[in-house]
């Protein structure tokens, strides 16, 4: 653990990369859940006009 404390620049990039991957995973999960909700396909909004 002292290795990370002695190199703040490396610590910054590791934290940045981990946070980016975490949020990317959340976005992928939300896209998957949105697609799963519409698995039957919704009606097109302009069909009734």
N, C-alpha and C. Protein backbone atom coordinates (compact mmCIF):
# COMPACT_ATOMS: atom_id res chain seq x y z
N UNK A 1 0.81 -1.19 0.00
CA UNK A 1 0.00 0.00 0.00
C UNK A 1 0.86 1.26 0.00
N UNK A 2 2.05 1.18 0.58
CA UNK A 2 2.95 2.33 0.57
C UNK A 2 3.41 2.67 -0.84
N UNK A 3 3.40 1.66 -1.71
CA UNK A 3 3.80 1.88 -3.09
C UNK A 3 2.86 2.87 -3.77
N UNK A 4 1.54 2.76 -3.51
CA UNK A 4 0.59 3.69 -4.11
C UNK A 4 0.67 5.07 -3.48
N UNK A 5 0.93 5.13 -2.19
CA UNK A 5 1.01 6.43 -1.52
C UNK A 5 2.25 7.21 -1.95
N UNK A 6 3.31 6.49 -2.30
CA UNK A 6 4.54 7.17 -2.69
C UNK A 6 4.50 7.66 -4.13
N UNK A 7 3.52 7.19 -4.92
CA UNK A 7 3.41 7.62 -6.32
C UNK A 7 2.00 8.17 -6.56
N UNK A 8 1.78 9.45 -6.27
CA UNK A 8 0.44 10.02 -6.41
C UNK A 8 -0.06 10.05 -7.85
N UNK A 9 0.83 10.20 -8.82
CA UNK A 9 0.39 10.25 -10.22
C UNK A 9 -0.16 8.89 -10.65
N UNK A 10 0.50 7.82 -10.24
CA UNK A 10 0.02 6.47 -10.54
C UNK A 10 -1.30 6.22 -9.82
N UNK A 11 -1.39 6.68 -8.59
CA UNK A 11 -2.61 6.52 -7.82
C UNK A 11 -3.77 7.23 -8.51
N UNK A 12 -3.52 8.43 -9.03
CA UNK A 12 -4.56 9.17 -9.74
C UNK A 12 -5.04 8.40 -10.95
N UNK A 13 -4.14 7.87 -11.76
CA UNK A 13 -4.54 7.16 -12.98
C UNK A 13 -5.24 5.85 -12.68
N UNK A 14 -4.82 5.16 -11.63
CA UNK A 14 -5.52 3.93 -11.24
C UNK A 14 -6.94 4.23 -10.79
N UNK A 15 -7.10 5.28 -10.00
CA UNK A 15 -8.43 5.67 -9.53
C UNK A 15 -9.30 6.13 -10.70
N UNK A 16 -8.73 6.90 -11.61
CA UNK A 16 -9.46 7.38 -12.77
C UNK A 16 -9.92 6.22 -13.65
N UNK A 17 -9.04 5.26 -13.89
CA UNK A 17 -9.38 4.10 -14.73
C UNK A 17 -10.44 3.24 -14.07
N UNK A 18 -10.32 3.02 -12.77
CA UNK A 18 -11.31 2.21 -12.06
C UNK A 18 -12.67 2.89 -12.07
N UNK A 19 -12.69 4.19 -11.87
CA UNK A 19 -13.95 4.92 -11.87
C UNK A 19 -14.58 4.92 -13.26
N UNK A 20 -13.77 5.07 -14.29
CA UNK A 20 -14.27 5.05 -15.66
C UNK A 20 -14.88 3.69 -16.00
N UNK A 21 -14.20 2.62 -15.64
CA UNK A 21 -14.74 1.28 -15.90
C UNK A 21 -16.02 1.03 -15.11
N UNK A 22 -16.09 1.53 -13.90
CA UNK A 22 -17.29 1.38 -13.08
C UNK A 22 -18.49 2.07 -13.73
N UNK A 23 -18.31 3.32 -14.15
CA UNK A 23 -19.42 4.04 -14.77
C UNK A 23 -19.77 3.47 -16.14
N UNK A 24 -18.79 2.97 -16.88
CA UNK A 24 -19.07 2.31 -18.15
C UNK A 24 -19.91 1.06 -17.93
N UNK A 25 -19.62 0.32 -16.88
CA UNK A 25 -20.42 -0.86 -16.54
C UNK A 25 -21.85 -0.49 -16.18
N UNK A 26 -22.02 0.61 -15.46
CA UNK A 26 -23.37 1.07 -15.12
C UNK A 26 -24.13 1.45 -16.38
N UNK A 27 -23.48 2.15 -17.30
CA UNK A 27 -24.14 2.53 -18.56
C UNK A 27 -24.52 1.30 -19.36
N UNK A 28 -23.64 0.31 -19.43
CA UNK A 28 -23.97 -0.93 -20.15
C UNK A 28 -25.14 -1.65 -19.50
N UNK A 29 -25.18 -1.68 -18.17
CA UNK A 29 -26.29 -2.33 -17.47
C UNK A 29 -27.60 -1.60 -17.74
N UNK A 30 -27.57 -0.27 -17.75
CA UNK A 30 -28.79 0.49 -18.03
C UNK A 30 -29.27 0.27 -19.46
N UNK A 31 -28.35 0.22 -20.41
CA UNK A 31 -28.73 -0.05 -21.80
C UNK A 31 -29.32 -1.44 -21.92
N UNK A 32 -28.72 -2.42 -21.25
CA UNK A 32 -29.23 -3.79 -21.29
C UNK A 32 -30.63 -3.86 -20.69
N UNK A 33 -30.83 -3.21 -19.54
CA UNK A 33 -32.15 -3.24 -18.91
C UNK A 33 -33.18 -2.51 -19.75
N UNK A 34 -32.81 -1.43 -20.39
CA UNK A 34 -33.73 -0.72 -21.26
C UNK A 34 -34.12 -1.58 -22.45
N UNK A 35 -33.17 -2.30 -23.02
CA UNK A 35 -33.46 -3.18 -24.13
C UNK A 35 -34.32 -4.35 -23.67
N UNK A 36 -34.05 -4.88 -22.49
CA UNK A 36 -34.81 -6.01 -21.97
C UNK A 36 -36.26 -5.61 -21.73
N UNK A 37 -36.49 -4.38 -21.32
CA UNK A 37 -37.85 -3.88 -21.08
C UNK A 37 -38.63 -3.84 -22.39
N UNK A 38 -37.98 -3.52 -23.48
CA UNK A 38 -38.65 -3.38 -24.77
C UNK A 38 -38.40 -4.59 -25.67
N UNK A 39 -38.36 -5.78 -25.10
CA UNK A 39 -38.01 -6.96 -25.89
C UNK A 39 -39.09 -7.28 -26.93
N UNK A 40 -40.35 -6.94 -26.67
CA UNK A 40 -41.42 -7.19 -27.63
C UNK A 40 -41.48 -6.09 -28.69
N UNK A 41 -40.80 -5.04 -28.48
CA UNK A 41 -40.81 -3.91 -29.41
C UNK A 41 -42.02 -3.03 -29.14
N UNK A 42 -41.78 -1.78 -28.99
CA UNK A 42 -42.88 -0.86 -28.71
C UNK A 42 -43.54 -0.40 -29.99
N UNK A 43 -44.68 0.23 -29.81
CA UNK A 43 -45.36 0.79 -30.99
C UNK A 43 -44.69 2.11 -31.35
N UNK A 44 -44.62 2.38 -32.62
CA UNK A 44 -44.01 3.62 -33.07
C UNK A 44 -44.93 4.77 -32.71
N UNK A 45 -44.38 5.87 -32.25
CA UNK A 45 -45.19 6.95 -31.68
C UNK A 45 -46.11 7.59 -32.73
N UNK A 46 -45.73 7.56 -34.01
CA UNK A 46 -46.52 8.25 -35.02
C UNK A 46 -47.49 7.32 -35.75
N UNK A 47 -47.69 6.10 -35.29
CA UNK A 47 -48.59 5.18 -35.99
C UNK A 47 -50.04 5.63 -35.92
N UNK A 48 -50.44 6.35 -34.89
CA UNK A 48 -51.84 6.75 -34.76
C UNK A 48 -52.18 8.01 -35.55
N UNK A 49 -51.22 8.65 -36.15
CA UNK A 49 -51.51 9.88 -36.89
C UNK A 49 -51.85 9.57 -38.32
